[in-house]
Each structure stands twice: as C-alpha cells, then as structure tokens.
C-alpha cells in the first residue's frame, strides 16, 4: 500500500500567500498584521507569517466563535 506523496508545507508565508490561505485581500491581510490580530515577523525586510502563527490565528478565531 503506497501513501500519496505530499509536498512539504513552507515554514513561512509572505503576505500574498497568507492572503490566499485566509481568502482575503492582501490589504485586509496587512491590516490584520498591522492591528496585531495576526502575528508576523520581518525577514530580509519582508513581512512573513510562520505556520505556527497562522495556526494560532485560526485557533484564536475558533475560540472566539465558541
């Protein structure tokens, strides 16, 4: 029995990739970052979001909805 080959997930995402994951515009994503709702870091002058930060954002959203 063979297992399907999956591509490894990136360790971090740039804003356009985060926007795609959130199904939001880049502007809305930048606002989430600016307001502190979505944590991020800077890497070589570019804003990045780690997988852990994105997972935390989703977990927090589901906690608030409960």
N, C-alpha and C. Protein backbone atom coordinates (compact mmCIF):
# COMPACT_ATOMS: atom_id res chain seq x y z
N UNK A 1 0.86 -1.18 0.00
CA UNK A 1 0.00 0.00 0.00
C UNK A 1 0.89 1.23 0.00
N UNK A 2 0.77 2.06 -1.01
CA UNK A 2 1.60 3.26 -1.08
C UNK A 2 0.82 4.47 -0.56
N UNK A 3 1.55 5.38 0.02
CA UNK A 3 0.95 6.60 0.55
C UNK A 3 1.13 7.71 -0.48
N UNK A 4 0.14 8.60 -0.59
CA UNK A 4 0.29 9.69 -1.55
C UNK A 4 1.44 10.60 -1.13
N UNK A 5 2.15 11.10 -2.09
CA UNK A 5 3.26 11.99 -1.82
C UNK A 5 2.71 13.40 -1.66
N UNK A 6 3.02 14.00 -0.54
CA UNK A 6 2.58 15.37 -0.31
C UNK A 6 3.80 16.29 -0.29
N UNK A 7 3.59 17.48 -0.78
CA UNK A 7 4.67 18.45 -0.76
C UNK A 7 4.81 18.98 0.65
N UNK A 8 6.04 19.22 1.09
CA UNK A 8 6.21 19.78 2.43
C UNK A 8 5.64 21.19 2.49
N UNK A 9 5.06 21.52 3.62
CA UNK A 9 4.50 22.86 3.81
C UNK A 9 5.63 23.84 4.03
N UNK A 10 5.49 25.05 3.54
CA UNK A 10 6.55 26.04 3.78
C UNK A 10 6.63 26.39 5.26
N UNK A 11 7.79 26.77 5.69
CA UNK A 11 7.97 27.15 7.09
C UNK A 11 7.40 28.53 7.37
N UNK A 12 7.29 29.35 6.32
CA UNK A 12 6.71 30.68 6.48
C UNK A 12 6.05 31.10 5.18
N UNK A 13 5.17 32.10 5.30
CA UNK A 13 4.43 32.60 4.16
C UNK A 13 4.65 34.10 4.03
N UNK A 14 4.71 34.59 2.79
CA UNK A 14 4.71 36.02 2.54
C UNK A 14 3.26 36.48 2.49
N UNK A 15 3.03 37.79 2.58
CA UNK A 15 1.68 38.33 2.67
C UNK A 15 0.75 37.82 1.56
N UNK A 16 1.16 37.79 0.29
CA UNK A 16 0.23 37.27 -0.73
C UNK A 16 -0.19 35.82 -0.48
N UNK A 17 0.71 35.02 0.05
CA UNK A 17 0.39 33.61 0.34
C UNK A 17 -0.54 33.51 1.54
N UNK A 18 -0.34 34.37 2.54
CA UNK A 18 -1.23 34.39 3.71
C UNK A 18 -2.62 34.81 3.27
N UNK A 19 -2.68 35.83 2.43
CA UNK A 19 -3.98 36.32 1.93
C UNK A 19 -4.74 35.19 1.23
N UNK A 20 -4.02 34.41 0.46
CA UNK A 20 -4.65 33.29 -0.24
C UNK A 20 -5.18 32.26 0.76
N UNK A 21 -4.39 31.94 1.78
CA UNK A 21 -4.82 30.99 2.82
C UNK A 21 -6.06 31.50 3.56
N UNK A 22 -6.10 32.82 3.82
CA UNK A 22 -7.21 33.41 4.56
C UNK A 22 -8.40 33.75 3.67
N UNK A 23 -8.17 33.66 2.34
CA UNK A 23 -9.19 34.06 1.36
C UNK A 23 -9.60 35.51 1.58
N UNK A 24 -8.60 36.35 1.78
CA UNK A 24 -8.77 37.79 1.96
C UNK A 24 -7.84 38.52 1.00
N UNK A 25 -8.06 39.80 0.85
CA UNK A 25 -7.17 40.59 0.01
C UNK A 25 -5.85 40.80 0.73
N UNK A 26 -4.84 41.18 -0.02
CA UNK A 26 -3.56 41.49 0.60
C UNK A 26 -3.69 42.67 1.55
N UNK A 27 -4.50 43.66 1.17
CA UNK A 27 -4.72 44.82 2.03
C UNK A 27 -5.35 44.42 3.36
N UNK A 28 -6.36 43.55 3.30
CA UNK A 28 -7.02 43.09 4.53
C UNK A 28 -6.05 42.29 5.39
N UNK A 29 -5.20 41.51 4.73
CA UNK A 29 -4.21 40.71 5.46
C UNK A 29 -3.19 41.62 6.14
N UNK A 30 -2.75 42.65 5.41
CA UNK A 30 -1.81 43.60 6.01
C UNK A 30 -2.45 44.31 7.21
N UNK A 31 -3.75 44.59 7.13
CA UNK A 31 -4.44 45.23 8.24
C UNK A 31 -4.48 44.29 9.46
N UNK A 32 -4.74 43.01 9.24
CA UNK A 32 -4.72 42.05 10.34
C UNK A 32 -3.35 42.04 11.02
N UNK A 33 -2.31 42.11 10.21
CA UNK A 33 -0.95 42.14 10.76
C UNK A 33 -0.71 43.45 11.50
N UNK A 34 -1.07 44.58 10.88
CA UNK A 34 -0.87 45.89 11.49
C UNK A 34 -1.61 46.03 12.82
N UNK A 35 -2.83 45.51 12.87
CA UNK A 35 -3.65 45.63 14.08
C UNK A 35 -3.23 44.66 15.18
N UNK A 36 -2.35 43.70 14.83
CA UNK A 36 -1.89 42.74 15.83
C UNK A 36 -2.74 41.49 15.93
N UNK A 37 -3.80 41.42 15.13
CA UNK A 37 -4.66 40.24 15.16
C UNK A 37 -3.93 39.01 14.62
N UNK A 38 -3.01 39.25 13.69
CA UNK A 38 -2.21 38.17 13.10
C UNK A 38 -0.75 38.51 13.34
N UNK A 39 -0.08 37.68 14.10
CA UNK A 39 1.33 37.92 14.40
C UNK A 39 2.18 37.64 13.16
N UNK A 40 3.29 38.37 13.07
CA UNK A 40 4.20 38.20 11.94
C UNK A 40 5.60 38.60 12.36
N UNK A 41 6.52 38.42 11.45
CA UNK A 41 7.92 38.79 11.67
C UNK A 41 8.45 39.42 10.40
N UNK A 42 9.63 40.01 10.50
CA UNK A 42 10.27 40.54 9.30
C UNK A 42 11.46 39.66 8.98
N UNK A 43 11.60 39.33 7.71
CA UNK A 43 12.71 38.51 7.24
C UNK A 43 13.26 39.20 6.00
N UNK A 44 14.49 39.68 6.10
CA UNK A 44 15.13 40.38 4.98
C UNK A 44 14.26 41.52 4.48
N UNK A 45 13.63 42.23 5.41
CA UNK A 45 12.82 43.39 5.05
C UNK A 45 11.42 43.09 4.58
N UNK A 46 11.05 41.82 4.53
CA UNK A 46 9.70 41.45 4.10
C UNK A 46 8.93 40.85 5.26
N UNK A 47 7.64 41.15 5.31
CA UNK A 47 6.77 40.64 6.35
C UNK A 47 6.47 39.19 6.06
N UNK A 48 6.64 38.31 7.05
CA UNK A 48 6.36 36.89 6.90
C UNK A 48 5.54 36.40 8.08
N UNK A 49 4.78 35.35 7.85
CA UNK A 49 3.97 34.71 8.88
C UNK A 49 4.37 33.24 8.90
N UNK A 50 4.72 32.74 10.06
CA UNK A 50 5.09 31.33 10.17
C UNK A 50 3.83 30.47 10.20
N UNK A 51 4.01 29.19 9.93
CA UNK A 51 2.89 28.26 10.01
C UNK A 51 2.29 28.27 11.41
N UNK A 52 3.13 28.33 12.42
CA UNK A 52 2.65 28.35 13.81
C UNK A 52 1.81 29.60 14.08
N UNK A 53 2.23 30.75 13.56
CA UNK A 53 1.47 31.98 13.76
C UNK A 53 0.13 31.90 13.05
N UNK A 54 0.11 31.32 11.86
CA UNK A 54 -1.13 31.16 11.12
C UNK A 54 -2.07 30.19 11.84
N UNK A 55 -1.52 29.09 12.35
CA UNK A 55 -2.32 28.13 13.12
C UNK A 55 -2.90 28.78 14.38
N UNK A 56 -2.10 29.62 15.04
CA UNK A 56 -2.56 30.33 16.24
C UNK A 56 -3.71 31.27 15.90
N UNK A 57 -3.59 31.95 14.77
CA UNK A 57 -4.65 32.87 14.33
C UNK A 57 -5.96 32.11 14.13
N UNK A 58 -5.90 30.97 13.45
CA UNK A 58 -7.10 30.16 13.23
C UNK A 58 -7.67 29.64 14.55
N UNK A 59 -6.81 29.15 15.43
CA UNK A 59 -7.28 28.63 16.71
C UNK A 59 -7.97 29.72 17.51
N UNK A 60 -7.40 30.91 17.51
CA UNK A 60 -7.98 32.04 18.23
C UNK A 60 -9.34 32.41 17.66
N UNK A 61 -9.47 32.38 16.35
CA UNK A 61 -10.75 32.71 15.71
C UNK A 61 -11.82 31.71 16.10
N UNK A 62 -11.47 30.42 16.18
CA UNK A 62 -12.45 29.42 16.55
C UNK A 62 -12.80 29.49 18.03
N UNK A 63 -11.86 29.90 18.87
CA UNK A 63 -12.15 30.07 20.29
C UNK A 63 -13.14 31.20 20.51
N UNK A 64 -12.95 32.31 19.77
CA UNK A 64 -13.85 33.46 19.89
C UNK A 64 -15.26 33.11 19.41
N UNK A 65 -15.35 32.24 18.42
CA UNK A 65 -16.65 31.88 17.85
C UNK A 65 -17.43 30.94 18.78
N UNK A 66 -16.74 30.28 19.70
CA UNK A 66 -17.40 29.31 20.58
C UNK A 66 -18.12 29.98 21.72
